[in-house]
Amino acid sequence: MLTQRFTRRRFLATSAASTALVAMPHVRGSFAAGKLSIGFWDHWVPGANEASRALVEAWATQEMVDVKIDYITSQGNKLLLTIAAEAQAKTGHDIIAMAAWRPREHANLLESVDEVMGPLIEQNGSVNATVEYLAKSDGHWIAVPATIASQIQSPCSRIDFMKRYAGIDVQTMYPAGSPPNAESWTLDTFFKAAEACHKAGYAFGIGLGTTNDSVCAAGAIFQAFGAELVDAKGNITVKSDAVRQALDYYARLARFFPPDASAWDDSSNNKWLISGRGALILNAPSAWAVAKRDAPQVAEQLWTHGMPAGPKGRFAPFLPSFWGIWSFGKNKPTAKSLLAYLSQPQSIEKLVVASKGYDLPSFSNLTTFNIWDEAGPPKGTLYHYPNRYNHQILSIAGAPAPPRIAAQIYTQGMMTKMILRHMQGEAMEATLAWAESELEGFIRT
């Protein structure tokens, strides 16, 4: 855990570059003053923590607040354990970073942020339905969507392999500077491309494990079939024709994944693509960023674009992060002032740039920052990453089940487990019966 404390005295001693941030428009809280403790996610991109530190420091000097920041790693579930410990002890940071499912899990201990979110939505545009699903409880906002760590698990394709082996020009399908031209990019096309690239020795790098990337991929494709394991009312719907279709499709598709896909974690797809062995992965632009540094000959052939469409639409896996304010926090008005400041367009753009375009704001009006236009090589490779044309539905695996149940579907990797069971020879109806039994347990708990 990295800790930094900022005071007015320290801020005035910093460089002119940091001082220049004071000119940025800010939102002054009615009672902003005193002390504030923040638990931020410890970003994997070098320099990204410095951007959030500089923004907080600028705000702190304006509001005359003594701020302490802890940068908490997610490795070894350190951030998750910190959240759980603070919730149990009812003491800790005033503001805490939370991954997708955590706000609803701790809804009864989070301060309402309606007064923050109302003006932000009016200013920055609407947020998508997945953000509302995860950050609203009983009609009230309980967390503010954080730009830091929010991401779309987009397809990232090898331009050359997809063209040579699958006959697909991903740059023409998703041209930089223009709307998608992707009517033919369907699940059927995706299947044929996976088969062709696998035959050529360059498998699609999609995992079948129970960590985020594998679960997100399965969730989006299930949703493209309209396949819900549990519906929005909490009814178990796993024995539906839509689920049967999705399970059959994915079990056939997965035969074109790497042979050890069932053992993959969230770093495996990155390594697969960077090694030069993969034609496509589903992930945020982390693999491209690392390839740009370590394997430039791979990076110059990578293109991030949209998901294939299924019978019920084009769904993209979205993993939003949030900032929550504990209801037992000691300085809640000041915490709200800071979150409003960090959610101003100028602040958000600085965070996006510092993350090399990896971090995504959840607000609809903030999808056109220059970094996504200019990133390269190849130039424009991230142009379609922020879903700027709303050509796909941003979703999370497990939805639309009530969040308490959906979180268990997600964290237990129910869909990938079903796929593996059926792939390994278990009859369709036996797999569905097993899943139904597991889901009944989730509902009872």
Foldseek 3Di string as FASTA:
>chain_A
DDKDKAFLVVLVPDDPVLVVCLPDDAFAFPDAEEEFEEEAAQDPFPQLVVLVVSLVNSVCNVRRYIYMYDHFYPVVPRLVVVVVVCLVVVDDGQKHKFWQQPCVVSVVFFDFLQVLVVVLCVVQNDFAPSCCLRQDDPRTGRWAWDLPPWFWQFKKFQQVLCCPFLVDRVCQQPPQPDHGVPPVQALVSVLSSQVRSLVVQAHAAAALEQEDRNLLVLQQLLVLLVQACAALVGHGDCPDPSNVVSLVSVLSSCVSHPPVRHPDYPCRNLCSQLVVRHGIGGGFCPSLVVCVVVPVVSNLRIATAFHHHHPNGGEIEIIIMTMTGTPSDDCNSNVSSSVSRCSPLVNSLSSCVSNLNRGADRRLNNLDDCSCQQDDNVGNRNSPRRVNVVRHRHDHGQPPYNSQLSVCCNNVSLSSVLSVCVSVPDDNVVSSVVSVVVSVVSVVD
